[in-house]
PDB file of N, CA and C in Angstrom:
ATOM      1  N   UNK A   1       4.247  -2.083 -12.943  1.00  0.00           N
ATOM      2  CA  UNK A   1       4.352  -2.819 -11.707  1.00  0.00           C
ATOM      3  C   UNK A   1       4.180  -4.301 -12.021  1.00  0.00           C
ATOM      4  N   UNK A   2       5.084  -5.103 -11.518  1.00  0.00           N
ATOM      5  CA  UNK A   2       5.048  -6.528 -11.836  1.00  0.00           C
ATOM      6  C   UNK A   2       3.895  -7.217 -11.102  1.00  0.00           C
ATOM      7  N   UNK A   3       3.440  -8.331 -11.643  1.00  0.00           N
ATOM      8  CA  UNK A   3       2.370  -9.083 -10.968  1.00  0.00           C
ATOM      9  C   UNK A   3       2.749  -9.502  -9.546  1.00  0.00           C
ATOM     10  N   UNK A   4       3.997  -9.858  -9.341  1.00  0.00           N
ATOM     11  CA  UNK A   4       4.411 -10.262  -7.991  1.00  0.00           C
ATOM     12  C   UNK A   4       4.376  -9.079  -7.018  1.00  0.00           C
ATOM     13  N   UNK A   5       4.746  -7.897  -7.493  1.00  0.00           N
ATOM     14  CA  UNK A   5       4.650  -6.711  -6.642  1.00  0.00           C
ATOM     15  C   UNK A   5       3.194  -6.400  -6.308  1.00  0.00           C
ATOM     16  N   UNK A   6       2.318  -6.496  -7.303  1.00  0.00           N
ATOM     17  CA  UNK A   6       0.896  -6.260  -7.070  1.00  0.00           C
ATOM     18  C   UNK A   6       0.350  -7.236  -6.029  1.00  0.00           C
ATOM     19  N   UNK A   7       0.682  -8.490  -6.195  1.00  0.00           N
ATOM     20  CA  UNK A   7       0.214  -9.510  -5.259  1.00  0.00           C
ATOM     21  C   UNK A   7       0.729  -9.222  -3.848  1.00  0.00           C
ATOM     22  N   UNK A   8       1.997  -8.899  -3.754  1.00  0.00           N
ATOM     23  CA  UNK A   8       2.590  -8.621  -2.447  1.00  0.00           C
ATOM     24  C   UNK A   8       1.950  -7.393  -1.794  1.00  0.00           C
ATOM     25  N   UNK A   9       1.714  -6.355  -2.573  1.00  0.00           N
ATOM     26  CA  UNK A   9       1.095  -5.147  -2.036  1.00  0.00           C
ATOM     27  C   UNK A   9      -0.309  -5.428  -1.534  1.00  0.00           C
ATOM     28  N   UNK A  10      -1.129  -6.101  -2.341  1.00  0.00           N
ATOM     29  CA  UNK A  10      -2.506  -6.362  -1.921  1.00  0.00           C
ATOM     30  C   UNK A  10      -2.565  -7.339  -0.755  1.00  0.00           C
ATOM     31  N   UNK A  11      -1.610  -8.241  -0.663  1.00  0.00           N
ATOM     32  CA  UNK A  11      -1.533  -9.109   0.516  1.00  0.00           C
ATOM     33  C   UNK A  11      -1.223  -8.287   1.758  1.00  0.00           C
ATOM     34  N   UNK A  12      -0.300  -7.344   1.618  1.00  0.00           N
ATOM     35  CA  UNK A  12       0.027  -6.452   2.725  1.00  0.00           C
ATOM     36  C   UNK A  12      -1.212  -5.671   3.160  1.00  0.00           C
ATOM     37  N   UNK A  13      -1.937  -5.137   2.211  1.00  0.00           N
ATOM     38  CA  UNK A  13      -3.142  -4.351   2.519  1.00  0.00           C
ATOM     39  C   UNK A  13      -4.174  -5.224   3.236  1.00  0.00           C
ATOM     40  N   UNK A  14      -4.397  -6.428   2.730  1.00  0.00           N
ATOM     41  CA  UNK A  14      -5.374  -7.328   3.346  1.00  0.00           C
ATOM     42  C   UNK A  14      -4.963  -7.763   4.752  1.00  0.00           C
ATOM     43  N   UNK A  15      -3.672  -7.851   4.994  1.00  0.00           N
ATOM     44  CA  UNK A  15      -3.181  -8.302   6.296  1.00  0.00           C
ATOM     45  C   UNK A  15      -2.980  -7.172   7.292  1.00  0.00           C
ATOM     46  N   UNK A  16      -3.169  -5.947   6.845  1.00  0.00           N
ATOM     47  CA  UNK A  16      -3.050  -4.789   7.727  1.00  0.00           C
ATOM     48  C   UNK A  16      -4.382  -4.557   8.418  1.00  0.00           C
ATOM     49  N   UNK A  17      -4.338  -4.297   9.704  1.00  0.00           N
ATOM     50  CA  UNK A  17      -5.576  -4.028  10.439  1.00  0.00           C
ATOM     51  C   UNK A  17      -6.301  -2.844   9.811  1.00  0.00           C
ATOM     52  N   UNK A  18      -7.594  -3.009   9.654  1.00  0.00           N
ATOM     53  CA  UNK A  18      -8.411  -1.956   9.050  1.00  0.00           C
ATOM     54  C   UNK A  18      -8.290  -0.653   9.828  1.00  0.00           C
ATOM     55  N   UNK A  19      -8.173  -0.743  11.136  1.00  0.00           N
ATOM     56  CA  UNK A  19      -8.092   0.471  11.954  1.00  0.00           C
ATOM     57  C   UNK A  19      -6.857   1.307  11.606  1.00  0.00           C
ATOM     58  N   UNK A  20      -5.771   0.663  11.233  1.00  0.00           N
ATOM     59  CA  UNK A  20      -4.565   1.395  10.836  1.00  0.00           C
ATOM     60  C   UNK A  20      -4.830   2.145   9.534  1.00  0.00           C
ATOM     61  N   UNK A  21      -5.369   1.431   8.560  1.00  0.00           N
ATOM     62  CA  UNK A  21      -5.636   2.041   7.258  1.00  0.00           C
ATOM     63  C   UNK A  21      -6.585   3.225   7.390  1.00  0.00           C
ATOM     64  N   UNK A  22      -7.611   3.055   8.192  1.00  0.00           N
ATOM     65  CA  UNK A  22      -8.640   4.091   8.305  1.00  0.00           C
ATOM     66  C   UNK A  22      -8.213   5.263   9.179  1.00  0.00           C
ATOM     67  N   UNK A  23      -7.216   5.063  10.023  1.00  0.00           N
ATOM     68  CA  UNK A  23      -6.814   6.141  10.931  1.00  0.00           C
ATOM     69  C   UNK A  23      -5.778   7.093  10.329  1.00  0.00           C
ATOM     70  N   UNK A  24      -5.120   6.680   9.251  1.00  0.00           N
ATOM     71  CA  UNK A  24      -4.059   7.497   8.665  1.00  0.00           C
ATOM     72  C   UNK A  24      -4.608   8.377   7.549  1.00  0.00           C
ATOM     73  N   UNK A  25      -4.061   9.596   7.438  1.00  0.00           N
ATOM     74  CA  UNK A  25      -4.442  10.428   6.293  1.00  0.00           C
ATOM     75  C   UNK A  25      -3.786   9.861   5.033  1.00  0.00           C
ATOM     76  N   UNK A  26      -4.186  10.352   3.878  1.00  0.00           N
ATOM     77  CA  UNK A  26      -3.729   9.774   2.612  1.00  0.00           C
ATOM     78  C   UNK A  26      -2.208   9.742   2.486  1.00  0.00           C
ATOM     79  N   UNK A  27      -1.566  10.867   2.761  1.00  0.00           N
ATOM     80  CA  UNK A  27      -0.108  10.946   2.617  1.00  0.00           C
ATOM     81  C   UNK A  27       0.588   9.973   3.553  1.00  0.00           C
ATOM     82  N   UNK A  28       0.145   9.930   4.787  1.00  0.00           N
ATOM     83  CA  UNK A  28       0.760   9.045   5.773  1.00  0.00           C
ATOM     84  C   UNK A  28       0.505   7.583   5.428  1.00  0.00           C
ATOM     85  N   UNK A  29      -0.680   7.273   4.921  1.00  0.00           N
ATOM     86  CA  UNK A  29      -0.982   5.897   4.523  1.00  0.00           C
ATOM     87  C   UNK A  29      -0.083   5.450   3.373  1.00  0.00           C
ATOM     88  N   UNK A  30       0.116   6.299   2.389  1.00  0.00           N
ATOM     89  CA  UNK A  30       1.013   5.961   1.277  1.00  0.00           C
ATOM     90  C   UNK A  30       2.424   5.711   1.818  1.00  0.00           C
ATOM     91  N   UNK A  31       2.902   6.573   2.679  1.00  0.00           N
ATOM     92  CA  UNK A  31       4.239   6.417   3.257  1.00  0.00           C
ATOM     93  C   UNK A  31       4.331   5.145   4.085  1.00  0.00           C
ATOM     94  N   UNK A  32       3.300   4.857   4.867  1.00  0.00           N
ATOM     95  CA  UNK A  32       3.306   3.680   5.728  1.00  0.00           C
ATOM     96  C   UNK A  32       3.334   2.403   4.890  1.00  0.00           C
ATOM     97  N   UNK A  33       2.469   2.330   3.868  1.00  0.00           N
ATOM     98  CA  UNK A  33       2.452   1.144   3.010  1.00  0.00           C
ATOM     99  C   UNK A  33       3.770   0.991   2.249  1.00  0.00           C
ATOM    100  N   UNK A  34       4.324   2.088   1.788  1.00  0.00           N
ATOM    101  CA  UNK A  34       5.624   2.056   1.107  1.00  0.00           C
ATOM    102  C   UNK A  34       6.688   1.482   2.028  1.00  0.00           C
ATOM    103  N   UNK A  35       6.740   1.978   3.252  1.00  0.00           N
ATOM    104  CA  UNK A  35       7.749   1.508   4.213  1.00  0.00           C
ATOM    105  C   UNK A  35       7.553   0.031   4.543  1.00  0.00           C
ATOM    106  N   UNK A  36       6.313  -0.366   4.807  1.00  0.00           N
ATOM    107  CA  UNK A  36       6.040  -1.770   5.134  1.00  0.00           C
ATOM    108  C   UNK A  36       6.377  -2.689   3.953  1.00  0.00           C
ATOM    109  N   UNK A  37       6.067  -2.258   2.754  1.00  0.00           N
ATOM    110  CA  UNK A  37       6.372  -3.049   1.560  1.00  0.00           C
ATOM    111  C   UNK A  37       7.879  -3.252   1.435  1.00  0.00           C
ATOM    112  N   UNK A  38       8.633  -2.178   1.652  1.00  0.00           N
ATOM    113  CA  UNK A  38      10.086  -2.247   1.488  1.00  0.00           C
ATOM    114  C   UNK A  38      10.778  -3.035   2.593  1.00  0.00           C
ATOM    115  N   UNK A  39      10.094  -3.337   3.672  1.00  0.00           N
ATOM    116  CA  UNK A  39      10.685  -4.185   4.711  1.00  0.00           C
ATOM    117  C   UNK A  39      10.899  -5.607   4.210  1.00  0.00           C
ATOM    118  N   UNK A  40      10.091  -6.022   3.253  1.00  0.00           N
ATOM    119  CA  UNK A  40      10.194  -7.380   2.747  1.00  0.00           C
ATOM    120  C   UNK A  40      10.752  -7.472   1.331  1.00  0.00           C
ATOM    121  N   UNK A  41      10.977  -6.321   0.699  1.00  0.00           N
ATOM    122  CA  UNK A  41      11.460  -6.338  -0.689  1.00  0.00           C
ATOM    123  C   UNK A  41      12.182  -5.035  -0.991  1.00  0.00           C
ATOM    124  N   UNK A  42      13.387  -5.147  -1.493  1.00  0.00           N
ATOM    125  CA  UNK A  42      14.114  -3.929  -1.852  1.00  0.00           C
ATOM    126  C   UNK A  42      13.655  -3.448  -3.230  1.00  0.00           C
ATOM    127  N   UNK A  43      13.591  -2.135  -3.369  1.00  0.00           N
ATOM    128  CA  UNK A  43      13.144  -1.531  -4.613  1.00  0.00           C
ATOM    129  C   UNK A  43      14.146  -0.480  -5.068  1.00  0.00           C
ATOM    130  N   UNK A  44      14.293  -0.357  -6.390  1.00  0.00           N
ATOM    131  CA  UNK A  44      15.092   0.761  -6.884  1.00  0.00           C
ATOM    132  C   UNK A  44      14.182   1.993  -6.907  1.00  0.00           C
ATOM    133  N   UNK A  45      14.738   3.136  -7.211  1.00  0.00           N
ATOM    134  CA  UNK A  45      13.973   4.386  -7.164  1.00  0.00           C
ATOM    135  C   UNK A  45      12.779   4.389  -8.117  1.00  0.00           C
ATOM    136  N   UNK A  46      12.948   3.816  -9.294  1.00  0.00           N
ATOM    137  CA  UNK A  46      11.851   3.767 -10.262  1.00  0.00           C
ATOM    138  C   UNK A  46      10.714   2.901  -9.748  1.00  0.00           C
ATOM    139  N   UNK A  47      11.047   1.724  -9.221  1.00  0.00           N
ATOM    140  CA  UNK A  47      10.023   0.833  -8.679  1.00  0.00           C
ATOM    141  C   UNK A  47       9.303   1.482  -7.497  1.00  0.00           C
ATOM    142  N   UNK A  48      10.055   2.190  -6.695  1.00  0.00           N
ATOM    143  CA  UNK A  48       9.454   2.852  -5.536  1.00  0.00           C
ATOM    144  C   UNK A  48       8.482   3.941  -5.985  1.00  0.00           C
ATOM    145  N   UNK A  49       8.853   4.714  -6.992  1.00  0.00           N
ATOM    146  CA  UNK A  49       7.953   5.746  -7.524  1.00  0.00           C
ATOM    147  C   UNK A  49       6.678   5.127  -8.086  1.00  0.00           C
ATOM    148  N   UNK A  50       6.839   4.034  -8.810  1.00  0.00           N
ATOM    149  CA  UNK A  50       5.682   3.343  -9.379  1.00  0.00           C
ATOM    150  C   UNK A  50       4.774   2.833  -8.259  1.00  0.00           C
ATOM    151  N   UNK A  51       5.369   2.256  -7.233  1.00  0.00           N
ATOM    152  CA  UNK A  51       4.602   1.748  -6.098  1.00  0.00           C
ATOM    153  C   UNK A  51       3.814   2.859  -5.421  1.00  0.00           C
ATOM    154  N   UNK A  52       4.482   3.964  -5.132  1.00  0.00           N
ATOM    155  CA  UNK A  52       3.807   5.069  -4.449  1.00  0.00           C
ATOM    156  C   UNK A  52       2.688   5.661  -5.309  1.00  0.00           C
ATOM    157  N   UNK A  53       2.929   5.805  -6.588  1.00  0.00           N
ATOM    158  CA  UNK A  53       1.889   6.320  -7.488  1.00  0.00           C
ATOM    159  C   UNK A  53       0.697   5.364  -7.562  1.00  0.00           C
ATOM    160  N   UNK A  54       0.980   4.077  -7.586  1.00  0.00           N
ATOM    161  CA  UNK A  54      -0.081   3.076  -7.630  1.00  0.00           C
ATOM    162  C   UNK A  54      -0.924   3.136  -6.350  1.00  0.00           C
ATOM    163  N   UNK A  55      -0.261   3.171  -5.215  1.00  0.00           N
ATOM    164  CA  UNK A  55      -0.979   3.250  -3.937  1.00  0.00           C
ATOM    165  C   UNK A  55      -1.849   4.504  -3.915  1.00  0.00           C
ATOM    166  N   UNK A  56      -1.270   5.622  -4.308  1.00  0.00           N
ATOM    167  CA  UNK A  56      -2.016   6.883  -4.302  1.00  0.00           C
ATOM    168  C   UNK A  56      -3.249   6.807  -5.202  1.00  0.00           C
ATOM    169  N   UNK A  57      -3.110   6.158  -6.344  1.00  0.00           N
ATOM    170  CA  UNK A  57      -4.232   6.067  -7.278  1.00  0.00           C
ATOM    171  C   UNK A  57      -5.317   5.105  -6.798  1.00  0.00           C
ATOM    172  N   UNK A  58      -4.992   4.241  -5.849  1.00  0.00           N
ATOM    173  CA  UNK A  58      -5.952   3.250  -5.342  1.00  0.00           C
ATOM    174  C   UNK A  58      -6.355   3.519  -3.892  1.00  0.00           C
ATOM    175  N   UNK A  59      -6.052   4.703  -3.383  1.00  0.00           N
ATOM    176  CA  UNK A  59      -6.266   4.994  -1.963  1.00  0.00           C
ATOM    177  C   UNK A  59      -7.742   4.842  -1.575  1.00  0.00           C
ATOM    178  N   UNK A  60      -8.655   5.269  -2.420  1.00  0.00           N
ATOM    179  CA  UNK A  60     -10.086   5.135  -2.119  1.00  0.00           C
ATOM    180  C   UNK A  60     -10.495   3.668  -2.039  1.00  0.00           C
ATOM    181  N   UNK A  61     -10.016   2.867  -2.959  1.00  0.00           N
ATOM    182  CA  UNK A  61     -10.313   1.436  -2.948  1.00  0.00           C
ATOM    183  C   UNK A  61      -9.738   0.781  -1.700  1.00  0.00           C
ATOM    184  N   UNK A  62      -8.521   1.136  -1.352  1.00  0.00           N
ATOM    185  CA  UNK A  62      -7.879   0.574  -0.155  1.00  0.00           C
ATOM    186  C   UNK A  62      -8.723   0.898   1.080  1.00  0.00           C
ATOM    187  N   UNK A  63      -9.167   2.131   1.195  1.00  0.00           N
ATOM    188  CA  UNK A  63      -9.993   2.530   2.350  1.00  0.00           C
ATOM    189  C   UNK A  63     -11.366   1.836   2.325  1.00  0.00           C
ATOM    190  N   UNK A  64     -11.974   1.723   1.144  1.00  0.00           N
ATOM    191  CA  UNK A  64     -13.268   1.054   1.038  1.00  0.00           C
ATOM    192  C   UNK A  64     -13.171  -0.413   1.475  1.00  0.00           C
ATOM    193  N   UNK A  65     -12.132  -1.080   1.030  1.00  0.00           N
ATOM    194  CA  UNK A  65     -11.947  -2.484   1.416  1.00  0.00           C
ATOM    195  C   UNK A  65     -11.710  -2.610   2.926  1.00  0.00           C
ATOM    196  N   UNK A  66     -10.935  -1.712   3.488  1.00  0.00           N
ATOM    197  CA  UNK A  66     -10.681  -1.757   4.931  1.00  0.00           C
ATOM    198  C   UNK A  66     -11.967  -1.488   5.709  1.00  0.00           C
ATOM    199  N   UNK A  67     -12.773  -0.579   5.228  1.00  0.00           N
ATOM    200  CA  UNK A  67     -14.021  -0.238   5.925  1.00  0.00           C
ATOM    201  C   UNK A  67     -15.012  -1.405   5.901  1.00  0.00           C
ATOM    202  N   UNK A  68     -14.929  -2.248   4.898  1.00  0.00           N
ATOM    203  CA  UNK A  68     -15.836  -3.400   4.788  1.00  0.00           C
ATOM    204  C   UNK A  68     -15.460  -4.548   5.696  1.00  0.00           C
ATOM    205  N   UNK A  69     -14.251  -4.526   6.237  1.00  0.00           N
ATOM    206  CA  UNK A  69     -13.823  -5.641   7.101  1.00  0.00           C
ATOM    207  C   UNK A  69     -14.365  -5.516   8.489  1.00  0.00           C
TER     208      UNK A  69
END
């Protein structure tokens, strides 16, 4: 995953209301973040797989950060 993609993803997470992040189950949250990310940047299939795997691997951190806000 490129540094610019990482930055864009974490900016999206930080700018998303915590209530949205905390209200969605894991699968739905991954899908929601994937969809929101792709609204601002087109991805090929490989990049999309990498993005979804990355989000899934960081789901606990994403929820912890949202809960702290």
